[in-house]
Each structure stands twice: as C-alpha cells, then as structure tokens.
Amino acid sequence: MRRDTIISIVIGSLVGAFFGRDWLSWAGPAVPRWQAALDTAGWTVFGAFAAAGVLIAAAALRGPAPAAAGAGGPPKWGWFPVVIAVEVALIIGGQNLLNGPWDRPEWAPVWTMAVVGAHFVPFGLVLRIRAFHVLACALCALAAVTVLAAAALGGTGAWYALPGFGGAAALWGFAGWALWRTARGRAMESAPAS
C-alpha cells in the first residue's frame, strides 16, 4: 500500500471518528441527563482514534516504502470538493426547511444521516474505495429505520437516539476497521479504474 494511501486512510478515519463524536452528541436530546457523559465519551473515543492514527501514520512514514497495491488507480481528488459542496448544501438546505417553514426540527438528524450516507456513494467512486458503499447503505438504512421507528413510537426521543447512537457506531466501526486493515498493511478494496 502506498504511503499517500495510508495517510489518506488515516486522515479519513480521523474525520470519521470526529463525526462519530458529533453523532453521539446528537443523541443527547433523547437522554438529556447524559449529554455531558456522551460528550466526554465521544471525545475519549476520538482521542483513541487520533492516537492510533498517529501511530499508524508514523510507522508508515518511518518504514520502507511499501509496494503499490490495488488496480483501482489513484483517487480523483478533483471531485472531492464537489461532493462536499453538494453534501453541505443539501444538509443546510434541508435543515433550514425542517427548522423553518416545515417546523420539524426533530427530523434534522435523519435528514443529515441520509445525506451523509448518500455522500459515501460518490466518495467510493472518487476515492476508489468500494467499502464506502457499504457505509453508505448502513447510514441510509439507519435513516430509514429511524423514520419507521420514530413514527411508530411517537415523541422526539427516537428521532435523536437512533441516528445519534447508530451514526456513531457506524462511523467508529468503519474507522476502526480501516485503521485495523491499514495497520496490518492490507489495502482497502479498490474500485476498478474507469
């Protein structure tokens, strides 16, 4: 695995771990007495991911240059800001509608989760990592399950708890898996070059 690939995976895993921390915090309205504990736990988990990422990156940079792996070719970084811009516009636009004229602020976590999940589809293509498609499916499925469960249960707690805890688990699970594979010198599954 190339060093730039290793560094990209480490950075991506840390971004995922940071947003996992955000998702955990977003569960707070469902369990308001536990908000401080959730925030502390989120920062603790993020700190553990950061430490692991630094160690993996340091080992990759210190060791001999590994052989290139995977037939997917290099990532198409030029599309990266386009995907992020569309994602941010959709999240902000949706939240403005939900918090404004539609008066459904409790739906904001589900909307955000669906958009974040969907953005991993083009990320999988742009960064040539098929595993992102699995993460996309997991997050979008969680958004759908949240809508069904929250509608059945009533109240606002489920609208926050399911995406909060589920989003944290999905992002931390994926980040942990990516770092674990990288630490063992195993390439992420690359998508074929187009």
N, C-alpha and C. Protein backbone atom coordinates (compact mmCIF):
# COMPACT_ATOMS: atom_id res chain seq x y z
N MET A 1 0.85 -1.17 0.00
CA MET A 1 0.00 0.00 0.00
C MET A 1 0.90 1.23 0.00
N ARG A 2 0.57 2.20 -0.85
CA ARG A 2 1.38 3.41 -0.97
C ARG A 2 1.25 4.27 0.28
N ARG A 3 2.31 5.04 0.57
CA ARG A 3 2.28 5.91 1.75
C ARG A 3 1.17 6.94 1.67
N ASP A 4 0.95 7.52 0.49
CA ASP A 4 -0.11 8.52 0.38
C ASP A 4 -1.48 7.89 0.62
N THR A 5 -1.62 6.62 0.24
CA THR A 5 -2.87 5.91 0.51
C THR A 5 -3.04 5.70 2.01
N ILE A 6 -1.97 5.31 2.67
CA ILE A 6 -2.03 5.10 4.12
C ILE A 6 -2.41 6.39 4.83
N ILE A 7 -1.77 7.48 4.46
CA ILE A 7 -2.06 8.77 5.08
C ILE A 7 -3.50 9.18 4.80
N SER A 8 -3.98 8.96 3.58
CA SER A 8 -5.37 9.29 3.24
C SER A 8 -6.35 8.48 4.09
N ILE A 9 -6.05 7.20 4.29
CA ILE A 9 -6.92 6.35 5.10
C ILE A 9 -6.92 6.82 6.55
N VAL A 10 -5.74 7.15 7.06
CA VAL A 10 -5.65 7.63 8.44
C VAL A 10 -6.44 8.93 8.60
N ILE A 11 -6.24 9.88 7.69
CA ILE A 11 -6.97 11.15 7.77
C ILE A 11 -8.48 10.91 7.66
N GLY A 12 -8.88 10.09 6.70
CA GLY A 12 -10.30 9.79 6.54
C GLY A 12 -10.88 9.12 7.78
N SER A 13 -10.11 8.23 8.40
CA SER A 13 -10.58 7.57 9.62
C SER A 13 -10.74 8.56 10.77
N LEU A 14 -9.82 9.51 10.86
CA LEU A 14 -9.93 10.52 11.91
C LEU A 14 -11.12 11.45 11.66
N VAL A 15 -11.38 11.77 10.41
CA VAL A 15 -12.56 12.58 10.08
C VAL A 15 -13.82 11.79 10.48
N GLY A 16 -13.86 10.51 10.13
CA GLY A 16 -14.99 9.67 10.51
C GLY A 16 -15.15 9.57 12.02
N ALA A 17 -14.03 9.42 12.74
CA ALA A 17 -14.09 9.34 14.20
C ALA A 17 -14.59 10.65 14.80
N PHE A 18 -14.17 11.78 14.22
CA PHE A 18 -14.64 13.08 14.71
C PHE A 18 -16.14 13.22 14.50
N PHE A 19 -16.63 12.86 13.32
CA PHE A 19 -18.06 12.97 13.07
C PHE A 19 -18.85 11.92 13.85
N GLY A 20 -18.22 10.79 14.17
CA GLY A 20 -18.86 9.83 15.08
C GLY A 20 -19.09 10.47 16.43
N ARG A 21 -18.14 11.27 16.88
CA ARG A 21 -18.28 12.01 18.13
C ARG A 21 -19.46 12.98 18.04
N ASP A 22 -19.60 13.64 16.89
CA ASP A 22 -20.74 14.54 16.68
C ASP A 22 -22.07 13.79 16.74
N TRP A 23 -22.11 12.63 16.09
CA TRP A 23 -23.35 11.86 16.09
C TRP A 23 -23.71 11.43 17.51
N LEU A 24 -22.72 11.00 18.28
CA LEU A 24 -23.01 10.59 19.66
C LEU A 24 -23.58 11.76 20.45
N SER A 25 -23.03 12.94 20.25
CA SER A 25 -23.54 14.12 20.94
C SER A 25 -24.96 14.43 20.51
N TRP A 26 -25.28 14.14 19.25
CA TRP A 26 -26.61 14.42 18.73
C TRP A 26 -27.67 13.52 19.38
N ALA A 27 -27.26 12.44 20.01
CA ALA A 27 -28.20 11.58 20.74
C ALA A 27 -28.63 12.23 22.05
N GLY A 28 -27.95 13.27 22.48
CA GLY A 28 -28.21 13.92 23.76
C GLY A 28 -29.64 14.32 24.04
N PRO A 29 -30.37 14.91 23.09
CA PRO A 29 -31.76 15.28 23.38
C PRO A 29 -32.64 14.08 23.77
N ALA A 30 -32.25 12.89 23.37
CA ALA A 30 -33.02 11.70 23.74
C ALA A 30 -32.75 11.30 25.19
N VAL A 31 -31.58 11.62 25.68
CA VAL A 31 -31.19 11.30 27.07
C VAL A 31 -30.50 12.53 27.68
N PRO A 32 -31.25 13.61 27.92
CA PRO A 32 -30.65 14.89 28.30
C PRO A 32 -29.78 14.84 29.55
N ARG A 33 -30.09 13.97 30.48
CA ARG A 33 -29.26 13.88 31.69
C ARG A 33 -27.88 13.32 31.40
N TRP A 34 -27.72 12.68 30.26
CA TRP A 34 -26.47 12.03 29.91
C TRP A 34 -25.66 12.81 28.88
N GLN A 35 -26.09 14.01 28.53
CA GLN A 35 -25.40 14.78 27.49
C GLN A 35 -23.91 14.96 27.80
N ALA A 36 -23.58 15.35 29.00
CA ALA A 36 -22.17 15.56 29.36
C ALA A 36 -21.38 14.26 29.25
N ALA A 37 -21.98 13.15 29.69
CA ALA A 37 -21.29 11.86 29.60
C ALA A 37 -21.11 11.44 28.15
N LEU A 38 -22.12 11.70 27.32
CA LEU A 38 -21.99 11.38 25.90
C LEU A 38 -20.88 12.19 25.26
N ASP A 39 -20.82 13.48 25.58
CA ASP A 39 -19.78 14.33 25.01
C ASP A 39 -18.38 13.88 25.46
N THR A 40 -18.25 13.53 26.74
CA THR A 40 -16.95 13.04 27.25
C THR A 40 -16.58 11.73 26.58
N ALA A 41 -17.53 10.83 26.47
CA ALA A 41 -17.25 9.55 25.81
C ALA A 41 -16.86 9.76 24.36
N GLY A 42 -17.56 10.66 23.67
CA GLY A 42 -17.24 10.93 22.28
C GLY A 42 -15.82 11.45 22.10
N TRP A 43 -15.44 12.40 22.95
CA TRP A 43 -14.07 12.94 22.85
C TRP A 43 -13.03 11.88 23.22
N THR A 44 -13.36 11.00 24.17
CA THR A 44 -12.43 9.94 24.56
C THR A 44 -12.21 8.96 23.41
N VAL A 45 -13.29 8.56 22.78
CA VAL A 45 -13.16 7.65 21.64
C VAL A 45 -12.40 8.32 20.50
N PHE A 46 -12.71 9.58 20.22
CA PHE A 46 -11.98 10.29 19.18
C PHE A 46 -10.49 10.36 19.52
N GLY A 47 -10.16 10.63 20.79
CA GLY A 47 -8.76 10.67 21.20
C GLY A 47 -8.05 9.34 20.97
N ALA A 48 -8.75 8.24 21.24
CA ALA A 48 -8.16 6.92 21.00
C ALA A 48 -7.91 6.71 19.51
N PHE A 49 -8.86 7.12 18.67
CA PHE A 49 -8.66 7.01 17.23
C PHE A 49 -7.49 7.89 16.78
N ALA A 50 -7.40 9.10 17.32
CA ALA A 50 -6.31 10.01 16.94
C ALA A 50 -4.96 9.40 17.30
N ALA A 51 -4.85 8.83 18.50
CA ALA A 51 -3.59 8.20 18.91
C ALA A 51 -3.24 7.04 17.99
N ALA A 52 -4.22 6.20 17.69
CA ALA A 52 -3.97 5.06 16.79
C ALA A 52 -3.57 5.55 15.41
N GLY A 53 -4.25 6.58 14.92
CA GLY A 53 -3.92 7.12 13.60
C GLY A 53 -2.52 7.67 13.52
N VAL A 54 -2.10 8.38 14.56
CA VAL A 54 -0.74 8.93 14.59
C VAL A 54 0.28 7.80 14.58
N LEU A 55 0.05 6.77 15.38
CA LEU A 55 0.99 5.63 15.42
C LEU A 55 1.06 4.92 14.07
N ILE A 56 -0.07 4.72 13.43
CA ILE A 56 -0.08 4.04 12.13
C ILE A 56 0.61 4.89 11.08
N ALA A 57 0.33 6.19 11.06
CA ALA A 57 0.97 7.09 10.09
C ALA A 57 2.47 7.14 10.33
N ALA A 58 2.89 7.22 11.60
CA ALA A 58 4.32 7.28 11.92
C ALA A 58 5.02 6.01 11.47
N ALA A 59 4.40 4.87 11.69
CA ALA A 59 5.01 3.60 11.26
C ALA A 59 5.11 3.55 9.74
N ALA A 60 4.10 4.04 9.05
CA ALA A 60 4.12 4.01 7.58
C ALA A 60 5.20 4.92 7.03
N LEU A 61 5.38 6.08 7.64
CA LEU A 61 6.37 7.03 7.15
C LEU A 61 7.79 6.63 7.54
N ARG A 62 7.94 5.91 8.64
CA ARG A 62 9.25 5.51 9.13
C ARG A 62 9.78 4.28 8.39
N GLY A 63 8.89 3.39 8.01
CA GLY A 63 9.31 2.13 7.41
C GLY A 63 9.68 2.28 5.94
N PRO A 64 10.10 1.17 5.33
CA PRO A 64 10.41 1.20 3.91
C PRO A 64 9.15 1.48 3.09
N ALA A 65 9.34 2.07 1.94
CA ALA A 65 8.19 2.39 1.08
C ALA A 65 7.53 1.09 0.64
N PRO A 66 6.25 0.92 0.97
CA PRO A 66 5.57 -0.31 0.56
C PRO A 66 5.25 -0.30 -0.93
N ALA A 67 5.07 -1.47 -1.46
CA ALA A 67 4.73 -1.59 -2.88
C ALA A 67 3.30 -1.11 -3.10
N ALA A 68 3.07 -0.57 -4.26
CA ALA A 68 1.71 -0.13 -4.61
C ALA A 68 0.81 -1.36 -4.70
N ALA A 69 -0.42 -1.19 -4.26
CA ALA A 69 -1.37 -2.30 -4.30
C ALA A 69 -2.68 -1.82 -4.88
N GLY A 70 -3.42 -2.73 -5.43
CA GLY A 70 -4.75 -2.40 -5.95
C GLY A 70 -4.67 -1.92 -7.38
N ALA A 71 -5.66 -2.27 -8.14
CA ALA A 71 -5.70 -1.89 -9.55
C ALA A 71 -6.60 -0.70 -9.80
N GLY A 72 -7.08 -0.08 -8.71
CA GLY A 72 -8.05 0.99 -8.87
C GLY A 72 -7.47 2.30 -9.34
N GLY A 73 -6.18 2.49 -9.27
CA GLY A 73 -5.59 3.76 -9.66
C GLY A 73 -5.72 4.79 -8.56
N PRO A 74 -5.15 5.95 -8.80
CA PRO A 74 -5.17 6.98 -7.77
C PRO A 74 -6.57 7.60 -7.62
N PRO A 75 -6.84 8.15 -6.43
CA PRO A 75 -8.13 8.82 -6.24
C PRO A 75 -8.28 10.01 -7.19
N LYS A 76 -9.51 10.36 -7.47
CA LYS A 76 -9.81 11.52 -8.31
C LYS A 76 -10.12 12.70 -7.39
N TRP A 77 -9.08 13.28 -6.81
CA TRP A 77 -9.23 14.30 -5.78
C TRP A 77 -9.97 15.54 -6.28
N GLY A 78 -9.97 15.81 -7.57
CA GLY A 78 -10.65 16.99 -8.09
C GLY A 78 -12.14 16.99 -7.83
N TRP A 79 -12.74 15.82 -7.71
CA TRP A 79 -14.18 15.72 -7.45
C TRP A 79 -14.51 15.82 -5.97
N PHE A 80 -13.51 15.68 -5.12
CA PHE A 80 -13.73 15.68 -3.67
C PHE A 80 -14.45 16.94 -3.19
N PRO A 81 -14.00 18.16 -3.56
CA PRO A 81 -14.71 19.36 -3.09
C PRO A 81 -16.12 19.50 -3.66
N VAL A 82 -16.35 18.94 -4.84
CA VAL A 82 -17.69 18.99 -5.42
C VAL A 82 -18.65 18.16 -4.58
N VAL A 83 -18.23 16.97 -4.20
CA VAL A 83 -19.08 16.09 -3.37
C VAL A 83 -19.36 16.77 -2.03
N ILE A 84 -18.34 17.34 -1.42
CA ILE A 84 -18.51 18.01 -0.11
C ILE A 84 -19.45 19.21 -0.25
N ALA A 85 -19.29 20.00 -1.31
CA ALA A 85 -20.14 21.18 -1.50
C ALA A 85 -21.60 20.79 -1.66
N VAL A 86 -21.86 19.76 -2.44
CA VAL A 86 -23.24 19.30 -2.63
C VAL A 86 -23.80 18.78 -1.30
N GLU A 87 -23.00 18.02 -0.59
CA GLU A 87 -23.44 17.49 0.71
C GLU A 87 -23.79 18.61 1.67
N VAL A 88 -22.91 19.59 1.82
CA VAL A 88 -23.15 20.70 2.74
C VAL A 88 -24.40 21.49 2.32
N ALA A 89 -24.55 21.75 1.03
CA ALA A 89 -25.73 22.48 0.54
C ALA A 89 -27.02 21.73 0.86
N LEU A 90 -27.01 20.41 0.67
CA LEU A 90 -28.20 19.61 0.97
C LEU A 90 -28.51 19.59 2.46
N ILE A 91 -27.48 19.44 3.28
CA ILE A 91 -27.70 19.43 4.73
C ILE A 91 -28.25 20.77 5.20
N ILE A 92 -27.61 21.86 4.80
CA ILE A 92 -28.05 23.19 5.24
C ILE A 92 -29.44 23.51 4.70
N GLY A 93 -29.66 23.24 3.43
CA GLY A 93 -30.98 23.50 2.85
C GLY A 93 -32.08 22.71 3.54
N GLY A 94 -31.83 21.43 3.76
CA GLY A 94 -32.81 20.58 4.44
C GLY A 94 -33.07 21.03 5.86
N GLN A 95 -32.00 21.36 6.58
CA GLN A 95 -32.19 21.80 7.96
C GLN A 95 -32.90 23.14 8.04
N ASN A 96 -32.64 24.03 7.09
CA ASN A 96 -33.37 25.30 7.07
C ASN A 96 -34.86 25.07 6.86
N LEU A 97 -35.22 24.15 5.99
CA LEU A 97 -36.64 23.84 5.79
C LEU A 97 -37.25 23.17 7.01
N LEU A 98 -36.51 22.21 7.59
CA LEU A 98 -37.04 21.47 8.74
C LEU A 98 -37.17 22.36 9.98
N ASN A 99 -36.22 23.26 10.18
CA ASN A 99 -36.26 24.15 11.33
C ASN A 99 -37.10 25.40 11.07
N GLY A 100 -37.45 25.64 9.82
CA GLY A 100 -38.20 26.83 9.45
C GLY A 100 -39.64 26.51 9.08
N PRO A 101 -39.96 26.64 7.80
CA PRO A 101 -41.37 26.52 7.39
C PRO A 101 -42.02 25.17 7.68
N TRP A 102 -41.25 24.10 7.66
CA TRP A 102 -41.85 22.79 7.90
C TRP A 102 -42.02 22.49 9.39
N ASP A 103 -41.31 23.21 10.26
CA ASP A 103 -41.41 23.08 11.71
C ASP A 103 -41.28 21.63 12.19
N ARG A 104 -40.26 20.96 11.70
CA ARG A 104 -39.96 19.58 12.10
C ARG A 104 -38.48 19.45 12.48
N PRO A 105 -38.01 20.20 13.48
CA PRO A 105 -36.58 20.15 13.81
C PRO A 105 -36.10 18.77 14.23
N GLU A 106 -37.00 17.95 14.77
CA GLU A 106 -36.58 16.61 15.20
C GLU A 106 -36.21 15.72 14.02
N TRP A 107 -36.61 16.09 12.82
CA TRP A 107 -36.26 15.31 11.64
C TRP A 107 -34.85 15.63 11.12
N ALA A 108 -34.23 16.69 11.64
CA ALA A 108 -32.91 17.11 11.14
C ALA A 108 -31.85 16.01 11.23
N PRO A 109 -31.76 15.26 12.34
CA PRO A 109 -30.74 14.20 12.37
C PRO A 109 -30.94 13.14 11.29
N VAL A 110 -32.21 12.80 11.01
CA VAL A 110 -32.48 11.78 10.00
C VAL A 110 -32.13 12.30 8.61
N TRP A 111 -32.50 13.54 8.34
CA TRP A 111 -32.16 14.14 7.05
C TRP A 111 -30.65 14.17 6.87
N THR A 112 -29.96 14.63 7.91
CA THR A 112 -28.50 14.73 7.84
C THR A 112 -27.88 13.35 7.64
N MET A 113 -28.40 12.34 8.35
CA MET A 113 -27.86 10.99 8.21
C MET A 113 -28.07 10.46 6.79
N ALA A 114 -29.22 10.71 6.21
CA ALA A 114 -29.48 10.25 4.84
C ALA A 114 -28.52 10.92 3.86
N VAL A 115 -28.30 12.22 4.01
CA VAL A 115 -27.39 12.93 3.11
C VAL A 115 -25.95 12.46 3.32
N VAL A 116 -25.54 12.34 4.57
CA VAL A 116 -24.17 11.86 4.85
C VAL A 116 -24.00 10.44 4.30
N GLY A 117 -24.99 9.60 4.51
CA GLY A 117 -24.90 8.25 3.96
C GLY A 117 -24.78 8.27 2.45
N ALA A 118 -25.63 9.07 1.81
CA ALA A 118 -25.61 9.13 0.35
C ALA A 118 -24.29 9.67 -0.19
N HIS A 119 -23.64 10.56 0.55
CA HIS A 119 -22.39 11.14 0.04
C HIS A 119 -21.27 10.12 -0.03
N PHE A 120 -21.41 9.00 0.68
CA PHE A 120 -20.36 7.97 0.60
C PHE A 120 -20.42 7.20 -0.72
N VAL A 121 -21.52 7.29 -1.46
CA VAL A 121 -21.58 6.64 -2.78
C VAL A 121 -20.59 7.31 -3.73
N PRO A 122 -20.70 8.64 -3.97
CA PRO A 122 -19.69 9.25 -4.84
C PRO A 122 -18.29 9.21 -4.24
N PHE A 123 -18.18 9.26 -2.90
CA PHE A 123 -16.85 9.14 -2.30
C PHE A 123 -16.22 7.80 -2.65
N GLY A 124 -17.02 6.74 -2.65
CA GLY A 124 -16.49 5.43 -3.02
C GLY A 124 -15.95 5.43 -4.43
N LEU A 125 -16.61 6.17 -5.33
CA LEU A 125 -16.15 6.25 -6.72
C LEU A 125 -14.94 7.18 -6.85
N VAL A 126 -15.02 8.35 -6.21
CA VAL A 126 -13.95 9.35 -6.32
C VAL A 126 -12.66 8.84 -5.67
N LEU A 127 -12.79 8.26 -4.48
CA LEU A 127 -11.61 7.80 -3.75
C LEU A 127 -11.26 6.35 -4.06
N ARG A 128 -12.10 5.71 -4.86
CA ARG A 128 -11.86 4.33 -5.30
C ARG A 128 -11.82 3.34 -4.13
N ILE A 129 -12.80 3.51 -3.23
CA ILE A 129 -12.90 2.61 -2.09
C ILE A 129 -14.33 2.06 -2.05
N ARG A 130 -14.49 0.83 -2.51
CA ARG A 130 -15.81 0.22 -2.57
C ARG A 130 -16.46 0.09 -1.20
N ALA A 131 -15.65 -0.06 -0.18
CA ALA A 131 -16.20 -0.23 1.17
C ALA A 131 -17.05 0.96 1.58
N PHE A 132 -16.83 2.13 0.99
CA PHE A 132 -17.66 3.29 1.30
C PHE A 132 -19.12 3.04 0.91
N HIS A 133 -19.34 2.20 -0.08
CA HIS A 133 -20.71 1.90 -0.48
C HIS A 133 -21.44 1.12 0.60
N VAL A 134 -20.72 0.28 1.33
CA VAL A 134 -21.31 -0.44 2.45
C VAL A 134 -21.69 0.54 3.55
N LEU A 135 -20.79 1.49 3.83
CA LEU A 135 -21.08 2.51 4.83
C LEU A 135 -22.27 3.37 4.40
N ALA A 136 -22.35 3.69 3.12
CA ALA A 136 -23.49 4.45 2.60
C ALA A 136 -24.79 3.70 2.84
N CYS A 137 -24.81 2.43 2.53
CA CYS A 137 -26.01 1.62 2.74
C CYS A 137 -26.38 1.55 4.21
N ALA A 138 -25.38 1.39 5.08
CA ALA A 138 -25.66 1.29 6.52
C ALA A 138 -26.28 2.58 7.04
N LEU A 139 -25.73 3.73 6.68
CA LEU A 139 -26.25 5.00 7.17
C LEU A 139 -27.63 5.31 6.59
N CYS A 140 -27.83 5.05 5.32
CA CYS A 140 -29.14 5.30 4.71
C CYS A 140 -30.19 4.35 5.28
N ALA A 141 -29.81 3.10 5.52
CA ALA A 141 -30.75 2.14 6.13
C ALA A 141 -31.09 2.58 7.55
N LEU A 142 -30.12 3.08 8.28
CA LEU A 142 -30.38 3.57 9.63
C LEU A 142 -31.33 4.76 9.60
N ALA A 143 -31.17 5.64 8.62
CA ALA A 143 -32.09 6.77 8.48
C ALA A 143 -33.52 6.26 8.23
N ALA A 144 -33.66 5.27 7.36
CA ALA A 144 -34.99 4.71 7.07
C ALA A 144 -35.58 4.02 8.29
N VAL A 145 -34.77 3.26 9.00
CA VAL A 145 -35.25 2.59 10.22
C VAL A 145 -35.67 3.62 11.26
N THR A 146 -34.92 4.71 11.36
CA THR A 146 -35.27 5.76 12.31
C THR A 146 -36.64 6.35 11.99
N VAL A 147 -36.90 6.62 10.72
CA VAL A 147 -38.21 7.18 10.33
C VAL A 147 -39.32 6.22 10.74
N LEU A 148 -39.15 4.93 10.45
CA LEU A 148 -40.19 3.95 10.78
C LEU A 148 -40.36 3.80 12.29
N ALA A 149 -39.24 3.69 13.00
CA ALA A 149 -39.31 3.50 14.45
C ALA A 149 -39.85 4.74 15.15
N ALA A 150 -39.38 5.91 14.75
CA ALA A 150 -39.84 7.15 15.39
C ALA A 150 -41.32 7.39 15.12
N ALA A 151 -41.76 7.08 13.92
CA ALA A 151 -43.18 7.23 13.60
C ALA A 151 -44.03 6.26 14.43
N ALA A 152 -43.53 5.05 14.63
CA ALA A 152 -44.27 4.06 15.40
C ALA A 152 -44.26 4.38 16.90
N LEU A 153 -43.14 4.88 17.41
CA LEU A 153 -43.01 5.15 18.84
C LEU A 153 -43.59 6.49 19.26
N GLY A 154 -43.61 7.45 18.34
CA GLY A 154 -44.06 8.79 18.69
C GLY A 154 -43.02 9.50 19.54
N GLY A 155 -43.26 10.76 19.82
CA GLY A 155 -42.29 11.52 20.62
C GLY A 155 -41.06 11.87 19.80
N THR A 156 -40.16 12.62 20.38
CA THR A 156 -38.98 13.06 19.65
C THR A 156 -37.72 12.28 20.00
N GLY A 157 -37.73 11.49 21.07
CA GLY A 157 -36.51 10.79 21.51
C GLY A 157 -35.88 9.91 20.45
N ALA A 158 -36.70 9.12 19.75
CA ALA A 158 -36.16 8.20 18.74
C ALA A 158 -35.54 8.95 17.57
N TRP A 159 -36.08 10.14 17.26
CA TRP A 159 -35.53 10.93 16.15
C TRP A 159 -34.08 11.32 16.42
N TYR A 160 -33.70 11.38 17.69
CA TYR A 160 -32.32 11.75 18.06
C TYR A 160 -31.49 10.53 18.45
N ALA A 161 -32.09 9.61 19.20
CA ALA A 161 -31.33 8.47 19.72
C ALA A 161 -30.82 7.55 18.62
N LEU A 162 -31.70 7.15 17.70
CA LEU A 162 -31.28 6.18 16.68
C LEU A 162 -30.19 6.72 15.76
N PRO A 163 -30.35 7.92 15.18
CA PRO A 163 -29.25 8.42 14.36
C PRO A 163 -28.01 8.75 15.20
N GLY A 164 -28.22 9.22 16.42
CA GLY A 164 -27.07 9.58 17.26
C GLY A 164 -26.20 8.39 17.60
N PHE A 165 -26.80 7.40 18.22
CA PHE A 165 -26.03 6.21 18.61
C PHE A 165 -25.64 5.38 17.38
N GLY A 166 -26.57 5.24 16.44
CA GLY A 166 -26.28 4.45 15.25
C GLY A 166 -25.23 5.08 14.36
N GLY A 167 -25.30 6.40 14.18
CA GLY A 167 -24.30 7.09 13.37
C GLY A 167 -22.91 6.98 13.98
N ALA A 168 -22.83 7.14 15.30
CA ALA A 168 -21.54 7.00 15.98
C ALA A 168 -21.00 5.58 15.79
N ALA A 169 -21.86 4.60 16.00
CA ALA A 169 -21.41 3.20 15.86
C ALA A 169 -20.94 2.90 14.44
N ALA A 170 -21.69 3.36 13.44
CA ALA A 170 -21.32 3.08 12.05
C ALA A 170 -20.00 3.76 11.68
N LEU A 171 -19.85 5.04 12.02
CA LEU A 171 -18.63 5.75 11.65
C LEU A 171 -17.42 5.25 12.44
N TRP A 172 -17.60 5.00 13.72
CA TRP A 172 -16.48 4.47 14.51
C TRP A 172 -16.13 3.05 14.08
N GLY A 173 -17.13 2.24 13.77
CA GLY A 173 -16.86 0.89 13.30
C GLY A 173 -16.09 0.90 12.00
N PHE A 174 -16.50 1.75 11.07
CA PHE A 174 -15.81 1.83 9.79
C PHE A 174 -14.39 2.37 9.97
N ALA A 175 -14.25 3.42 10.77
CA ALA A 175 -12.91 4.00 11.00
C ALA A 175 -11.99 2.97 11.67
N GLY A 176 -12.52 2.24 12.63
CA GLY A 176 -11.71 1.21 13.29
C GLY A 176 -11.30 0.11 12.33
N TRP A 177 -12.23 -0.31 11.49
CA TRP A 177 -11.93 -1.34 10.50
C TRP A 177 -10.85 -0.85 9.53
N ALA A 178 -10.97 0.40 9.07
CA ALA A 178 -10.00 0.94 8.12
C ALA A 178 -8.61 1.05 8.75
N LEU A 179 -8.54 1.54 9.98
CA LEU A 179 -7.24 1.65 10.66
C LEU A 179 -6.65 0.27 10.93
N TRP A 180 -7.48 -0.67 11.32
CA TRP A 180 -7.00 -2.02 11.59
C TRP A 180 -6.39 -2.64 10.34
N ARG A 181 -7.08 -2.51 9.22
CA ARG A 181 -6.56 -3.06 7.95
C ARG A 181 -5.26 -2.35 7.55
N THR A 182 -5.24 -1.04 7.72
CA THR A 182 -4.07 -0.26 7.34
C THR A 182 -2.87 -0.63 8.21
N ALA A 183 -3.10 -0.80 9.50
CA ALA A 183 -2.01 -1.17 10.41
C ALA A 183 -1.41 -2.52 10.04
N ARG A 184 -2.18 -3.36 9.43
CA ARG A 184 -1.70 -4.69 9.01
C ARG A 184 -1.22 -4.71 7.57
N GLY A 185 -1.19 -3.53 6.95
CA GLY A 185 -0.67 -3.44 5.58
C GLY A 185 -1.61 -3.98 4.54
N ARG A 186 -2.87 -4.07 4.87
CA ARG A 186 -3.87 -4.60 3.93
C ARG A 186 -4.61 -3.44 3.30
N ALA A 187 -4.59 -3.37 2.00
CA ALA A 187 -5.22 -2.28 1.28
C ALA A 187 -6.73 -2.35 1.43
N MET A 188 -7.33 -1.17 1.40
CA MET A 188 -8.79 -1.12 1.33
C MET A 188 -9.15 -1.64 -0.07
N GLU A 189 -10.31 -2.23 -0.21
CA GLU A 189 -10.72 -2.75 -1.51
C GLU A 189 -10.87 -1.61 -2.49
N SER A 190 -10.14 -1.65 -3.57
CA SER A 190 -10.20 -0.57 -4.55
C SER A 190 -11.21 -0.87 -5.64
N ALA A 191 -11.88 0.18 -6.07
CA ALA A 191 -12.81 0.05 -7.20
C ALA A 191 -12.02 0.04 -8.49
N PRO A 192 -12.50 -0.61 -9.53
CA PRO A 192 -11.77 -0.64 -10.78
C PRO A 192 -11.64 0.77 -11.39
N ALA A 193 -10.57 0.98 -12.10
CA ALA A 193 -10.35 2.28 -12.77
C ALA A 193 -11.39 2.47 -13.85
N SER A 194 -11.83 3.72 -14.01
CA SER A 194 -12.81 3.98 -15.07
C SER A 194 -12.21 4.87 -16.13
